[in-house]
C-alpha cells in the first residue's frame, strides 16, 4: 500500500517545473482532442458526400488547429496554477 507523503517545501524551481509539466500535459491532451475532432469531421464529411480540402495534411482549417493547441496550453497553465495552490500552498495532502 502506498501512502502519500506530505508535500515538501515549495520552491521557485518546483513551481516552474510543475506548471511547465502541466502545460505540456495540456498540449498533449489537445493533440488527442485535435485527432478526435478531425476524425469526426472527416467521417461527417464522408457521409455528407462533401469534398475535403486538406491544409498541410490536416482536414481542419489552420485557425481551428491553432485554437485547439492554444486551448490546451492555456488550460494546462490554469490546471497547474490551481493544483499548485491546492498541493503546496493550502497543503491538502497533509495526513
C-alpha atoms as a PDB file:
ATOM      1  CA  UNK A   1       0.000   0.000   0.000  1.00  0.00           C
ATOM      2  CA  UNK A   2       1.360   3.385  -0.995  1.00  0.00           C
ATOM      3  CA  UNK A   3       0.966   6.284   1.405  1.00  0.00           C
ATOM      4  CA  UNK A   4       1.092   9.887   0.253  1.00  0.00           C
ATOM      5  CA  UNK A   5       3.806  11.876   1.920  1.00  0.00           C
ATOM      6  CA  UNK A   6       3.312  15.443   2.960  1.00  0.00           C
ATOM      7  CA  UNK A   7       4.280  17.861   0.194  1.00  0.00           C
ATOM      8  CA  UNK A   8       7.717  19.305   0.761  1.00  0.00           C
ATOM      9  CA  UNK A   9       8.548  22.992   0.802  1.00  0.00           C
ATOM     10  CA  UNK A  10       7.622  24.805  -2.388  1.00  0.00           C
ATOM     11  CA  UNK A  11      10.469  26.430  -4.272  1.00  0.00           C
ATOM     12  CA  UNK A  12      10.568  28.596  -7.375  1.00  0.00           C
ATOM     13  CA  UNK A  13      12.142  25.786  -9.429  1.00  0.00           C
ATOM     14  CA  UNK A  14       9.464  23.315  -8.324  1.00  0.00           C
ATOM     15  CA  UNK A  15       6.744  25.751  -9.310  1.00  0.00           C
ATOM     16  CA  UNK A  16       8.278  26.343 -12.742  1.00  0.00           C
ATOM     17  CA  UNK A  17       8.675  22.601 -13.361  1.00  0.00           C
ATOM     18  CA  UNK A  18       5.172  21.833 -12.081  1.00  0.00           C
ATOM     19  CA  UNK A  19       3.477  24.463 -14.233  1.00  0.00           C
ATOM     20  CA  UNK A  20       5.544  23.666 -17.335  1.00  0.00           C
ATOM     21  CA  UNK A  21       4.701  19.966 -16.913  1.00  0.00           C
ATOM     22  CA  UNK A  22       1.032  20.895 -16.667  1.00  0.00           C
ATOM     23  CA  UNK A  23       1.316  22.940 -19.852  1.00  0.00           C
ATOM     24  CA  UNK A  24       2.922  20.001 -21.664  1.00  0.00           C
ATOM     25  CA  UNK A  25       0.147  17.724 -20.387  1.00  0.00           C
ATOM     26  CA  UNK A  26      -2.476  20.187 -21.642  1.00  0.00           C
ATOM     27  CA  UNK A  27      -0.754  20.318 -25.024  1.00  0.00           C
ATOM     28  CA  UNK A  28      -0.661  16.512 -25.275  1.00  0.00           C
ATOM     29  CA  UNK A  29      -4.347  16.308 -24.392  1.00  0.00           C
ATOM     30  CA  UNK A  30      -5.093  18.942 -27.023  1.00  0.00           C
ATOM     31  CA  UNK A  31      -3.345  16.799 -29.660  1.00  0.00           C
ATOM     32  CA  UNK A  32      -5.699  13.945 -28.768  1.00  0.00           C
ATOM     33  CA  UNK A  33      -8.666  16.323 -28.891  1.00  0.00           C
ATOM     34  CA  UNK A  34      -7.470  17.534 -32.299  1.00  0.00           C
ATOM     35  CA  UNK A  35      -7.352  13.954 -33.574  1.00  0.00           C
ATOM     36  CA  UNK A  36     -10.872  13.204 -32.303  1.00  0.00           C
ATOM     37  CA  UNK A  37     -12.299  16.383 -33.837  1.00  0.00           C
ATOM     38  CA  UNK A  38     -10.598  15.695 -37.158  1.00  0.00           C
ATOM     39  CA  UNK A  39     -11.729  12.059 -37.298  1.00  0.00           C
ATOM     40  CA  UNK A  40     -15.312  13.062 -36.596  1.00  0.00           C
ATOM     41  CA  UNK A  41     -15.117  15.886 -39.154  1.00  0.00           C
ATOM     42  CA  UNK A  42     -13.780  13.545 -41.860  1.00  0.00           C
ATOM     43  CA  UNK A  43     -16.454  10.929 -41.088  1.00  0.00           C
ATOM     44  CA  UNK A  44     -19.170  13.585 -41.177  1.00  0.00           C
ATOM     45  CA  UNK A  45     -17.908  14.982 -44.480  1.00  0.00           C
ATOM     46  CA  UNK A  46     -17.716  11.488 -45.997  1.00  0.00           C
ATOM     47  CA  UNK A  47     -21.322  10.764 -45.007  1.00  0.00           C
ATOM     48  CA  UNK A  48     -22.440  14.087 -46.497  1.00  0.00           C
ATOM     49  CA  UNK A  49     -20.539  13.420 -49.724  1.00  0.00           C
ATOM     50  CA  UNK A  50     -18.503  16.618 -49.372  1.00  0.00           C
ATOM     51  CA  UNK A  51     -15.071  17.147 -50.859  1.00  0.00           C
ATOM     52  CA  UNK A  52     -12.434  17.854 -48.222  1.00  0.00           C
ATOM     53  CA  UNK A  53      -9.597  20.312 -48.656  1.00  0.00           C
ATOM     54  CA  UNK A  54      -6.533  19.292 -46.715  1.00  0.00           C
ATOM     55  CA  UNK A  55      -4.494  22.084 -45.136  1.00  0.00           C
ATOM     56  CA  UNK A  56      -0.894  20.818 -44.857  1.00  0.00           C
ATOM     57  CA  UNK A  57      -2.026  17.248 -44.230  1.00  0.00           C
ATOM     58  CA  UNK A  58      -4.907  18.195 -41.942  1.00  0.00           C
ATOM     59  CA  UNK A  59      -8.587  18.459 -42.791  1.00  0.00           C
ATOM     60  CA  UNK A  60      -9.263  21.193 -40.236  1.00  0.00           C
ATOM     61  CA  UNK A  61      -8.601  24.817 -41.147  1.00  0.00           C
ATOM     62  CA  UNK A  62      -5.438  26.324 -39.700  1.00  0.00           C
ATOM     63  CA  UNK A  63      -7.190  28.698 -37.265  1.00  0.00           C
ATOM     64  CA  UNK A  64      -9.071  25.764 -35.702  1.00  0.00           C
ATOM     65  CA  UNK A  65      -5.831  23.819 -35.289  1.00  0.00           C
ATOM     66  CA  UNK A  66      -4.144  26.776 -33.588  1.00  0.00           C
ATOM     67  CA  UNK A  67      -7.168  27.377 -31.343  1.00  0.00           C
ATOM     68  CA  UNK A  68      -7.182  23.755 -30.163  1.00  0.00           C
ATOM     69  CA  UNK A  69      -3.460  23.989 -29.316  1.00  0.00           C
ATOM     70  CA  UNK A  70      -3.917  27.310 -27.528  1.00  0.00           C
ATOM     71  CA  UNK A  71      -6.831  25.921 -25.517  1.00  0.00           C
ATOM     72  CA  UNK A  72      -4.575  23.022 -24.455  1.00  0.00           C
ATOM     73  CA  UNK A  73      -1.734  25.305 -23.426  1.00  0.00           C
ATOM     74  CA  UNK A  74      -3.945  27.776 -21.551  1.00  0.00           C
ATOM     75  CA  UNK A  75      -5.951  25.081 -19.780  1.00  0.00           C
ATOM     76  CA  UNK A  76      -2.701  23.312 -18.806  1.00  0.00           C
ATOM     77  CA  UNK A  77      -1.391  26.554 -17.324  1.00  0.00           C
ATOM     78  CA  UNK A  78      -4.524  27.154 -15.252  1.00  0.00           C
ATOM     79  CA  UNK A  79      -4.618  23.473 -14.241  1.00  0.00           C
ATOM     80  CA  UNK A  80      -1.034  23.813 -12.990  1.00  0.00           C
ATOM     81  CA  UNK A  81      -1.734  27.033 -11.089  1.00  0.00           C
ATOM     82  CA  UNK A  82      -4.864  25.581  -9.494  1.00  0.00           C
ATOM     83  CA  UNK A  83      -3.257  22.352  -8.303  1.00  0.00           C
ATOM     84  CA  UNK A  84      -0.024  24.078  -7.265  1.00  0.00           C
ATOM     85  CA  UNK A  85      -2.103  26.154  -4.890  1.00  0.00           C
ATOM     86  CA  UNK A  86      -4.043  23.112  -3.656  1.00  0.00           C
ATOM     87  CA  UNK A  87      -0.990  20.896  -3.084  1.00  0.00           C
ATOM     88  CA  UNK A  88       1.731  23.282  -1.995  1.00  0.00           C
ATOM     89  CA  UNK A  89       0.030  26.409  -0.667  1.00  0.00           C
ATOM     90  CA  UNK A  90      -3.072  25.010   1.017  1.00  0.00           C
ATOM     91  CA  UNK A  91      -1.307  21.695   1.787  1.00  0.00           C
ATOM     92  CA  UNK A  92      -4.258  19.415   1.156  1.00  0.00           C
ATOM     93  CA  UNK A  93      -2.059  16.319   1.227  1.00  0.00           C
ATOM     94  CA  UNK A  94      -1.386  16.591   4.961  1.00  0.00           C
ATOM     95  CA  UNK A  95      -2.047  13.460   6.971  1.00  0.00           C
END
